[in-house]
Amino acid sequence: MGSTDNANWEFDNNEQLKIQTLVEWGVTSMPLHGAVVLRLGYALSQHEWDVYQSTDRPPHQIQAAMSAADAKELGTQLILYAELLDVPASGFPNGG
């Protein structure tokens, strides 16, 4: 389901990836529908981040349902990309 193809991503006029700041997340399941639901709360600006800090409520949120298989694939990809960024002091990924 996931893809790193640039055609699937949004870029600004300077060809920088458009991103929002993740402020919170949650996961639940809907057994009757056979779905896993991912909730992402995010901020679009420094002002929204500051408001979140004082209210503990995300200014924006999305709730996306997916199959159990897709949830497992998403989890696998998140772990893979997180481990690629995990560079210890030695300068080699995963301490190698």
PDB file of N, CA and C in Angstrom:
ATOM      1  N   MET A   1       0.822  -1.197   0.000  1.00  0.00           N
ATOM      2  CA  MET A   1       0.000   0.000   0.000  1.00  0.00           C
ATOM      3  C   MET A   1       0.862   1.254   0.000  1.00  0.00           C
ATOM      4  N   GLY A   2       1.952   1.240   0.751  1.00  0.00           N
ATOM      5  CA  GLY A   2       2.807   2.411   0.828  1.00  0.00           C
ATOM      6  C   GLY A   2       3.719   2.528  -0.369  1.00  0.00           C
ATOM      7  N   SER A   3       4.140   3.745  -0.660  1.00  0.00           N
ATOM      8  CA  SER A   3       5.035   3.947  -1.777  1.00  0.00           C
ATOM      9  C   SER A   3       5.930   5.141  -1.509  1.00  0.00           C
ATOM     10  N   THR A   4       7.161   5.034  -1.959  1.00  0.00           N
ATOM     11  CA  THR A   4       8.080   6.156  -1.857  1.00  0.00           C
ATOM     12  C   THR A   4       8.173   6.900  -3.184  1.00  0.00           C
ATOM     13  N   ASP A   5       7.338   6.552  -4.150  1.00  0.00           N
ATOM     14  CA  ASP A   5       7.297   7.233  -5.439  1.00  0.00           C
ATOM     15  C   ASP A   5       6.915   8.696  -5.216  1.00  0.00           C
ATOM     16  N   ASN A   6       7.724   9.623  -5.722  1.00  0.00           N
ATOM     17  CA  ASN A   6       7.471  11.053  -5.524  1.00  0.00           C
ATOM     18  C   ASN A   6       6.102  11.490  -6.018  1.00  0.00           C
ATOM     19  N   ALA A   7       5.519  10.796  -6.955  1.00  0.00           N
ATOM     20  CA  ALA A   7       4.203  11.173  -7.471  1.00  0.00           C
ATOM     21  C   ALA A   7       3.121  11.057  -6.399  1.00  0.00           C
ATOM     22  N   ASN A   8       3.380  10.300  -5.342  1.00  0.00           N
ATOM     23  CA  ASN A   8       2.403  10.097  -4.274  1.00  0.00           C
ATOM     24  C   ASN A   8       2.544  11.093  -3.136  1.00  0.00           C
ATOM     25  N   TRP A   9       3.478  12.026  -3.218  1.00  0.00           N
ATOM     26  CA  TRP A   9       3.764  12.964  -2.141  1.00  0.00           C
ATOM     27  C   TRP A   9       3.510  14.388  -2.609  1.00  0.00           C
ATOM     28  N   GLU A  10       3.314  15.303  -1.658  1.00  0.00           N
ATOM     29  CA  GLU A  10       3.115  16.715  -1.971  1.00  0.00           C
ATOM     30  C   GLU A  10       4.397  17.490  -1.705  1.00  0.00           C
ATOM     31  N   PHE A  11       4.775  18.341  -2.669  1.00  0.00           N
ATOM     32  CA  PHE A  11       5.964  19.170  -2.546  1.00  0.00           C
ATOM     33  C   PHE A  11       5.577  20.627  -2.747  1.00  0.00           C
ATOM     34  N   ASP A  12       6.346  21.541  -2.132  1.00  0.00           N
ATOM     35  CA  ASP A  12       6.098  22.965  -2.324  1.00  0.00           C
ATOM     36  C   ASP A  12       6.830  23.447  -3.584  1.00  0.00           C
ATOM     37  N   ASN A  13       6.788  24.754  -3.837  1.00  0.00           N
ATOM     38  CA  ASN A  13       7.411  25.311  -5.041  1.00  0.00           C
ATOM     39  C   ASN A  13       8.925  25.153  -5.055  1.00  0.00           C
ATOM     40  N   ASN A  14       9.534  24.964  -3.889  1.00  0.00           N
ATOM     41  CA  ASN A  14      10.984  24.767  -3.798  1.00  0.00           C
ATOM     42  C   ASN A  14      11.356  23.289  -3.795  1.00  0.00           C
ATOM     43  N   GLU A  15      10.389  22.444  -4.141  1.00  0.00           N
ATOM     44  CA  GLU A  15      10.558  20.996  -4.186  1.00  0.00           C
ATOM     45  C   GLU A  15      10.932  20.400  -2.831  1.00  0.00           C
ATOM     46  N   GLN A  16      10.446  21.056  -1.761  1.00  0.00           N
ATOM     47  CA  GLN A  16      10.601  20.525  -0.406  1.00  0.00           C
ATOM     48  C   GLN A  16       9.318  19.779  -0.041  1.00  0.00           C
ATOM     49  N   LEU A  17       9.462  18.661   0.636  1.00  0.00           N
ATOM     50  CA  LEU A  17       8.312  17.869   1.055  1.00  0.00           C
ATOM     51  C   LEU A  17       7.442  18.682   1.998  1.00  0.00           C
ATOM     52  N   LYS A  18       6.136  18.758   1.710  1.00  0.00           N
ATOM     53  CA  LYS A  18       5.207  19.453   2.600  1.00  0.00           C
ATOM     54  C   LYS A  18       4.911  18.539   3.784  1.00  0.00           C
ATOM     55  N   ILE A  19       5.117  19.054   4.994  1.00  0.00           N
ATOM     56  CA  ILE A  19       4.865  18.251   6.191  1.00  0.00           C
ATOM     57  C   ILE A  19       4.144  19.086   7.239  1.00  0.00           C
ATOM     58  N   GLN A  20       3.471  18.417   8.145  1.00  0.00           N
ATOM     59  CA  GLN A  20       2.857  19.038   9.305  1.00  0.00           C
ATOM     60  C   GLN A  20       3.535  18.462  10.536  1.00  0.00           C
ATOM     61  N   THR A  21       3.370  19.119  11.677  1.00  0.00           N
ATOM     62  CA  THR A  21       3.969  18.650  12.919  1.00  0.00           C
ATOM     63  C   THR A  21       2.999  17.720  13.640  1.00  0.00           C
ATOM     64  N   LEU A  22       3.398  16.475  13.815  1.00  0.00           N
ATOM     65  CA  LEU A  22       2.591  15.508  14.553  1.00  0.00           C
ATOM     66  C   LEU A  22       2.638  15.865  16.026  1.00  0.00           C
ATOM     67  N   VAL A  23       1.465  16.051  16.636  1.00  0.00           N
ATOM     68  CA  VAL A  23       1.429  16.404  18.060  1.00  0.00           C
ATOM     69  C   VAL A  23       0.924  15.251  18.925  1.00  0.00           C
ATOM     70  N   GLU A  24       0.152  14.350  18.347  1.00  0.00           N
ATOM     71  CA  GLU A  24      -0.277  13.167  19.089  1.00  0.00           C
ATOM     72  C   GLU A  24      -0.839  12.143  18.119  1.00  0.00           C
ATOM     73  N   TRP A  25      -0.953  10.910  18.597  1.00  0.00           N
ATOM     74  CA  TRP A  25      -1.497   9.845  17.768  1.00  0.00           C
ATOM     75  C   TRP A  25      -2.158   8.814  18.664  1.00  0.00           C
ATOM     76  N   GLY A  26      -2.983   8.007  18.048  1.00  0.00           N
ATOM     77  CA  GLY A  26      -3.654   6.937  18.766  1.00  0.00           C
ATOM     78  C   GLY A  26      -4.079   5.847  17.801  1.00  0.00           C
ATOM     79  N   VAL A  27      -4.335   4.677  18.336  1.00  0.00           N
ATOM     80  CA  VAL A  27      -4.751   3.532  17.530  1.00  0.00           C
ATOM     81  C   VAL A  27      -5.874   2.823  18.262  1.00  0.00           C
ATOM     82  N   THR A  28      -6.862   2.369  17.506  1.00  0.00           N
ATOM     83  CA  THR A  28      -7.929   1.544  18.065  1.00  0.00           C
ATOM     84  C   THR A  28      -8.354   0.557  16.981  1.00  0.00           C
ATOM     85  N   SER A  29      -9.266  -0.326  17.327  1.00  0.00           N
ATOM     86  CA  SER A  29      -9.767  -1.278  16.336  1.00  0.00           C
ATOM     87  C   SER A  29     -11.280  -1.245  16.316  1.00  0.00           C
ATOM     88  N   MET A  30     -11.810  -1.654  15.196  1.00  0.00           N
ATOM     89  CA  MET A  30     -13.256  -1.779  15.009  1.00  0.00           C
ATOM     90  C   MET A  30     -13.531  -3.223  14.605  1.00  0.00           C
ATOM     91  N   PRO A  31     -13.617  -4.141  15.590  1.00  0.00           N
ATOM     92  CA  PRO A  31     -13.755  -5.568  15.286  1.00  0.00           C
ATOM     93  C   PRO A  31     -14.920  -5.899  14.352  1.00  0.00           C
ATOM     94  N   LEU A  32     -16.052  -5.212  14.514  1.00  0.00           N
ATOM     95  CA  LEU A  32     -17.192  -5.506  13.653  1.00  0.00           C
ATOM     96  C   LEU A  32     -16.923  -5.168  12.183  1.00  0.00           C
ATOM     97  N   HIS A  33     -16.013  -4.231  11.959  1.00  0.00           N
ATOM     98  CA  HIS A  33     -15.671  -3.833  10.591  1.00  0.00           C
ATOM     99  C   HIS A  33     -14.347  -4.451  10.134  1.00  0.00           C
ATOM    100  N   GLY A  34     -13.658  -5.143  11.036  1.00  0.00           N
ATOM    101  CA  GLY A  34     -12.373  -5.736  10.698  1.00  0.00           C
ATOM    102  C   GLY A  34     -11.327  -4.698  10.350  1.00  0.00           C
ATOM    103  N   ALA A  35     -11.380  -3.551  11.032  1.00  0.00           N
ATOM    104  CA  ALA A  35     -10.474  -2.454  10.697  1.00  0.00           C
ATOM    105  C   ALA A  35      -9.664  -1.997  11.900  1.00  0.00           C
ATOM    106  N   VAL A  36      -8.484  -1.500  11.607  1.00  0.00           N
ATOM    107  CA  VAL A  36      -7.648  -0.808  12.584  1.00  0.00           C
ATOM    108  C   VAL A  36      -7.760   0.667  12.238  1.00  0.00           C
ATOM    109  N   VAL A  37      -7.911   1.509  13.248  1.00  0.00           N
ATOM    110  CA  VAL A  37      -8.067   2.947  13.015  1.00  0.00           C
ATOM    111  C   VAL A  37      -6.879   3.681  13.620  1.00  0.00           C
ATOM    112  N   LEU A  38      -6.235   4.504  12.796  1.00  0.00           N
ATOM    113  CA  LEU A  38      -5.106   5.323  13.212  1.00  0.00           C
ATOM    114  C   LEU A  38      -5.570   6.767  13.282  1.00  0.00           C
ATOM    115  N   ARG A  39      -5.314   7.415  14.432  1.00  0.00           N
ATOM    116  CA  ARG A  39      -5.669   8.832  14.612  1.00  0.00           C
ATOM    117  C   ARG A  39      -4.385   9.634  14.701  1.00  0.00           C
ATOM    118  N   LEU A  40      -4.286  10.677  13.871  1.00  0.00           N
ATOM    119  CA  LEU A  40      -3.125  11.557  13.875  1.00  0.00           C
ATOM    120  C   LEU A  40      -3.581  12.981  14.145  1.00  0.00           C
ATOM    121  N   GLY A  41      -3.075  13.580  15.204  1.00  0.00           N
ATOM    122  CA  GLY A  41      -3.338  14.983  15.503  1.00  0.00           C
ATOM    123  C   GLY A  41      -2.133  15.785  15.056  1.00  0.00           C
ATOM    124  N   TYR A  42      -2.365  16.924  14.398  1.00  0.00           N
ATOM    125  CA  TYR A  42      -1.240  17.681  13.871  1.00  0.00           C
ATOM    126  C   TYR A  42      -1.468  19.184  13.918  1.00  0.00           C
ATOM    127  N   ALA A  43      -0.360  19.919  13.805  1.00  0.00           N
ATOM    128  CA  ALA A  43      -0.379  21.380  13.781  1.00  0.00           C
ATOM    129  C   ALA A  43       0.236  21.853  12.468  1.00  0.00           C
ATOM    130  N   LEU A  44      -0.301  22.943  11.933  1.00  0.00           N
ATOM    131  CA  LEU A  44       0.179  23.486  10.661  1.00  0.00           C
ATOM    132  C   LEU A  44       1.118  24.675  10.833  1.00  0.00           C
ATOM    133  N   SER A  45       1.178  25.242  12.023  1.00  0.00           N
ATOM    134  CA  SER A  45       1.987  26.442  12.226  1.00  0.00           C
ATOM    135  C   SER A  45       2.523  26.472  13.656  1.00  0.00           C
ATOM    136  N   GLN A  46       3.445  27.370  13.886  1.00  0.00           N
ATOM    137  CA  GLN A  46       3.982  27.554  15.237  1.00  0.00           C
ATOM    138  C   GLN A  46       2.876  27.989  16.195  1.00  0.00           C
ATOM    139  N   HIS A  47       1.981  28.862  15.712  1.00  0.00           N
ATOM    140  CA  HIS A  47       0.868  29.316  16.553  1.00  0.00           C
ATOM    141  C   HIS A  47      -0.005  28.128  16.967  1.00  0.00           C
ATOM    142  N   GLU A  48      -0.339  27.247  16.024  1.00  0.00           N
ATOM    143  CA  GLU A  48      -1.158  26.084  16.370  1.00  0.00           C
ATOM    144  C   GLU A  48      -0.422  25.171  17.348  1.00  0.00           C
ATOM    145  N   TRP A  49       0.889  25.043  17.197  1.00  0.00           N
ATOM    146  CA  TRP A  49       1.678  24.242  18.135  1.00  0.00           C
ATOM    147  C   TRP A  49       1.611  24.854  19.531  1.00  0.00           C
ATOM    148  N   ASP A  50       1.736  26.171  19.609  1.00  0.00           N
ATOM    149  CA  ASP A  50       1.662  26.853  20.893  1.00  0.00           C
ATOM    150  C   ASP A  50       0.292  26.666  21.543  1.00  0.00           C
ATOM    151  N   VAL A  51      -0.774  26.755  20.755  1.00  0.00           N
ATOM    152  CA  VAL A  51      -2.131  26.547  21.273  1.00  0.00           C
ATOM    153  C   VAL A  51      -2.272  25.115  21.771  1.00  0.00           C
ATOM    154  N   TYR A  52      -1.749  24.155  21.018  1.00  0.00           N
ATOM    155  CA  TYR A  52      -1.796  22.757  21.447  1.00  0.00           C
ATOM    156  C   TYR A  52      -1.098  22.589  22.793  1.00  0.00           C
ATOM    157  N   GLN A  53       0.042  23.232  22.970  1.00  0.00           N
ATOM    158  CA  GLN A  53       0.795  23.127  24.213  1.00  0.00           C
ATOM    159  C   GLN A  53      -0.030  23.583  25.424  1.00  0.00           C
ATOM    160  N   SER A  54      -0.899  24.570  25.202  1.00  0.00           N
ATOM    161  CA  SER A  54      -1.686  25.083  26.332  1.00  0.00           C
ATOM    162  C   SER A  54      -3.039  24.389  26.488  1.00  0.00           C
ATOM    163  N   THR A  55      -3.556  23.773  25.436  1.00  0.00           N
ATOM    164  CA  THR A  55      -4.880  23.150  25.514  1.00  0.00           C
ATOM    165  C   THR A  55      -4.844  21.628  25.517  1.00  0.00           C
ATOM    166  N   ASP A  56      -3.727  21.042  25.059  1.00  0.00           N
ATOM    167  CA  ASP A  56      -3.582  19.590  24.931  1.00  0.00           C
ATOM    168  C   ASP A  56      -4.609  18.986  23.973  1.00  0.00           C
ATOM    169  N   ARG A  57      -5.057  19.792  23.018  1.00  0.00           N
ATOM    170  CA  ARG A  57      -5.993  19.325  21.989  1.00  0.00           C
ATOM    171  C   ARG A  57      -5.401  19.655  20.626  1.00  0.00           C
ATOM    172  N   PRO A  58      -5.264  18.651  19.745  1.00  0.00           N
ATOM    173  CA  PRO A  58      -4.691  18.945  18.433  1.00  0.00           C
ATOM    174  C   PRO A  58      -5.625  19.835  17.613  1.00  0.00           C
ATOM    175  N   PRO A  59      -5.072  20.833  16.912  1.00  0.00           N
ATOM    176  CA  PRO A  59      -5.912  21.713  16.115  1.00  0.00           C
ATOM    177  C   PRO A  59      -6.521  21.010  14.902  1.00  0.00           C
ATOM    178  N   HIS A  60      -5.868  19.970  14.424  1.00  0.00           N
ATOM    179  CA  HIS A  60      -6.364  19.191  13.278  1.00  0.00           C
ATOM    180  C   HIS A  60      -6.156  17.722  13.586  1.00  0.00           C
ATOM    181  N   GLN A  61      -7.002  16.900  13.011  1.00  0.00           N
ATOM    182  CA  GLN A  61      -6.795  15.463  13.181  1.00  0.00           C
ATOM    183  C   GLN A  61      -7.445  14.716  12.039  1.00  0.00           C
ATOM    184  N   ILE A  62      -6.895  13.557  11.762  1.00  0.00           N
ATOM    185  CA  ILE A  62      -7.453  12.657  10.772  1.00  0.00           C
ATOM    186  C   ILE A  62      -7.581  11.291  11.435  1.00  0.00           C
ATOM    187  N   GLN A  63      -8.642  10.590  11.130  1.00  0.00           N
ATOM    188  CA  GLN A  63      -8.858   9.230  11.611  1.00  0.00           C
ATOM    189  C   GLN A  63      -9.017   8.359  10.374  1.00  0.00           C
ATOM    190  N   ALA A  64      -8.052   7.463  10.180  1.00  0.00           N
ATOM    191  CA  ALA A  64      -8.024   6.638   8.971  1.00  0.00           C
ATOM    192  C   ALA A  64      -8.159   5.167   9.329  1.00  0.00           C
ATOM    193  N   ALA A  65      -9.123   4.500   8.696  1.00  0.00           N
ATOM    194  CA  ALA A  65      -9.328   3.068   8.910  1.00  0.00           C
ATOM    195  C   ALA A  65      -8.571   2.290   7.841  1.00  0.00           C
ATOM    196  N   MET A  66      -8.038   1.136   8.252  1.00  0.00           N
ATOM    197  CA  MET A  66      -7.320   0.271   7.315  1.00  0.00           C
ATOM    198  C   MET A  66      -7.498  -1.173   7.749  1.00  0.00           C
ATOM    199  N   SER A  67      -7.215  -2.074   6.839  1.00  0.00           N
ATOM    200  CA  SER A  67      -7.302  -3.496   7.170  1.00  0.00           C
ATOM    201  C   SER A  67      -6.179  -3.867   8.131  1.00  0.00           C
ATOM    202  N   ALA A  68      -6.328  -4.996   8.788  1.00  0.00           N
ATOM    203  CA  ALA A  68      -5.283  -5.470   9.696  1.00  0.00           C
ATOM    204  C   ALA A  68      -3.980  -5.697   8.932  1.00  0.00           C
ATOM    205  N   ALA A  69      -4.063  -6.222   7.722  1.00  0.00           N
ATOM    206  CA  ALA A  69      -2.864  -6.461   6.912  1.00  0.00           C
ATOM    207  C   ALA A  69      -2.167  -5.143   6.579  1.00  0.00           C
ATOM    208  N   ASP A  70      -2.940  -4.121   6.227  1.00  0.00           N
ATOM    209  CA  ASP A  70      -2.343  -2.819   5.928  1.00  0.00           C
ATOM    210  C   ASP A  70      -1.719  -2.201   7.178  1.00  0.00           C
ATOM    211  N   ALA A  71      -2.352  -2.389   8.339  1.00  0.00           N
ATOM    212  CA  ALA A  71      -1.799  -1.863   9.592  1.00  0.00           C
ATOM    213  C   ALA A  71      -0.452  -2.520   9.889  1.00  0.00           C
ATOM    214  N   LYS A  72      -0.352  -3.819   9.656  1.00  0.00           N
ATOM    215  CA  LYS A  72       0.913  -4.525   9.873  1.00  0.00           C
ATOM    216  C   LYS A  72       1.981  -4.010   8.917  1.00  0.00           C
ATOM    217  N   GLU A  73       1.623  -3.797   7.671  1.00  0.00           N
ATOM    218  CA  GLU A  73       2.578  -3.276   6.685  1.00  0.00           C
ATOM    219  C   GLU A  73       3.037  -1.870   7.062  1.00  0.00           C
ATOM    220  N   LEU A  74       2.094  -1.028   7.509  1.00  0.00           N
ATOM    221  CA  LEU A  74       2.452   0.324   7.950  1.00  0.00           C
ATOM    222  C   LEU A  74       3.428   0.256   9.122  1.00  0.00           C
ATOM    223  N   GLY A  75       3.138  -0.598  10.089  1.00  0.00           N
ATOM    224  CA  GLY A  75       4.033  -0.770  11.229  1.00  0.00           C
ATOM    225  C   GLY A  75       5.422  -1.211  10.805  1.00  0.00           C
ATOM    226  N   THR A  76       5.502  -2.139   9.878  1.00  0.00           N
ATOM    227  CA  THR A  76       6.784  -2.618   9.365  1.00  0.00           C
ATOM    228  C   THR A  76       7.559  -1.493   8.704  1.00  0.00           C
ATOM    229  N   GLN A  77       6.872  -0.686   7.885  1.00  0.00           N
ATOM    230  CA  GLN A  77       7.553   0.415   7.207  1.00  0.00           C
ATOM    231  C   GLN A  77       8.002   1.496   8.191  1.00  0.00           C
ATOM    232  N   LEU A  78       7.190   1.798   9.205  1.00  0.00           N
ATOM    233  CA  LEU A  78       7.586   2.782  10.210  1.00  0.00           C
ATOM    234  C   LEU A  78       8.848   2.339  10.941  1.00  0.00           C
ATOM    235  N   ILE A  79       8.904   1.069  11.312  1.00  0.00           N
ATOM    236  CA  ILE A  79      10.083   0.539  11.999  1.00  0.00           C
ATOM    237  C   ILE A  79      11.294   0.601  11.077  1.00  0.00           C
ATOM    238  N   LEU A  80      11.142   0.212   9.833  1.00  0.00           N
ATOM    239  CA  LEU A  80      12.242   0.235   8.879  1.00  0.00           C
ATOM    240  C   LEU A  80      12.821   1.634   8.743  1.00  0.00           C
ATOM    241  N   TYR A  81      11.968   2.628   8.506  1.00  0.00           N
ATOM    242  CA  TYR A  81      12.449   3.993   8.314  1.00  0.00           C
ATOM    243  C   TYR A  81      13.027   4.578   9.608  1.00  0.00           C
ATOM    244  N   ALA A  82      12.443   4.250  10.747  1.00  0.00           N
ATOM    245  CA  ALA A  82      12.979   4.728  12.019  1.00  0.00           C
ATOM    246  C   ALA A  82      14.359   4.143  12.271  1.00  0.00           C
ATOM    247  N   GLU A  83      14.555   2.870  11.962  1.00  0.00           N
ATOM    248  CA  GLU A  83      15.858   2.246  12.157  1.00  0.00           C
ATOM    249  C   GLU A  83      16.900   2.820  11.200  1.00  0.00           C
ATOM    250  N   LEU A  84      16.500   3.208  10.008  1.00  0.00           N
ATOM    251  CA  LEU A  84      17.438   3.831   9.069  1.00  0.00           C
ATOM    252  C   LEU A  84      17.948   5.168   9.596  1.00  0.00           C
ATOM    253  N   LEU A  85      17.123   5.857  10.393  1.00  0.00           N
ATOM    254  CA  LEU A  85      17.523   7.142  10.968  1.00  0.00           C
ATOM    255  C   LEU A  85      18.286   6.993  12.271  1.00  0.00           C
ATOM    256  N   ASP A  86      18.296   5.812  12.843  1.00  0.00           N
ATOM    257  CA  ASP A  86      18.936   5.559  14.126  1.00  0.00           C
ATOM    258  C   ASP A  86      20.439   5.362  13.911  1.00  0.00           C
ATOM    259  N   VAL A  87      21.186   6.464  13.944  1.00  0.00           N
ATOM    260  CA  VAL A  87      22.623   6.418  13.726  1.00  0.00           C
ATOM    261  C   VAL A  87      23.333   6.708  15.050  1.00  0.00           C
ATOM    262  N   PRO A  88      23.996   5.711  15.621  1.00  0.00           N
ATOM    263  CA  PRO A  88      24.701   5.914  16.888  1.00  0.00           C
ATOM    264  C   PRO A  88      25.927   6.811  16.711  1.00  0.00           C
ATOM    265  N   ALA A  89      26.581   7.140  17.817  1.00  0.00           N
ATOM    266  CA  ALA A  89      27.724   8.050  17.812  1.00  0.00           C
ATOM    267  C   ALA A  89      28.844   7.577  16.885  1.00  0.00           C
ATOM    268  N   SER A  90      28.951   6.268  16.655  1.00  0.00           N
ATOM    269  CA  SER A  90      30.015   5.748  15.793  1.00  0.00           C
ATOM    270  C   SER A  90      29.843   6.208  14.343  1.00  0.00           C
ATOM    271  N   GLY A  91      28.644   6.664  14.000  1.00  0.00           N
ATOM    272  CA  GLY A  91      28.396   7.131  12.643  1.00  0.00           C
ATOM    273  C   GLY A  91      27.899   6.045  11.717  1.00  0.00           C
ATOM    274  N   PHE A  92      27.792   4.823  12.221  1.00  0.00           N
ATOM    275  CA  PHE A  92      27.306   3.725  11.390  1.00  0.00           C
ATOM    276  C   PHE A  92      25.909   3.321  11.824  1.00  0.00           C
ATOM    277  N   PRO A  93      24.997   3.108  10.852  1.00  0.00           N
ATOM    278  CA  PRO A  93      23.632   2.685  11.219  1.00  0.00           C
ATOM    279  C   PRO A  93      23.662   1.426  12.082  1.00  0.00           C
ATOM    280  N   ASN A  94      22.821   1.393  13.084  1.00  0.00           N
ATOM    281  CA  ASN A  94      22.647   0.234  13.975  1.00  0.00           C
ATOM    282  C   ASN A  94      23.945  -0.236  14.614  1.00  0.00           C
ATOM    283  N   GLY A  95      24.852   0.699  14.860  1.00  0.00           N
ATOM    284  CA  GLY A  95      26.080   0.366  15.577  1.00  0.00           C
ATOM    285  C   GLY A  95      27.083  -0.440  14.794  1.00  0.00           C
ATOM    286  N   GLY A  96      26.826  -0.688  13.486  1.00  0.00           N
ATOM    287  CA  GLY A  96      27.681  -1.543  12.690  1.00  0.00           C
ATOM    288  C   GLY A  96      28.966  -0.936  12.361  1.00  0.00           C
TER     289      GLY A  96
END
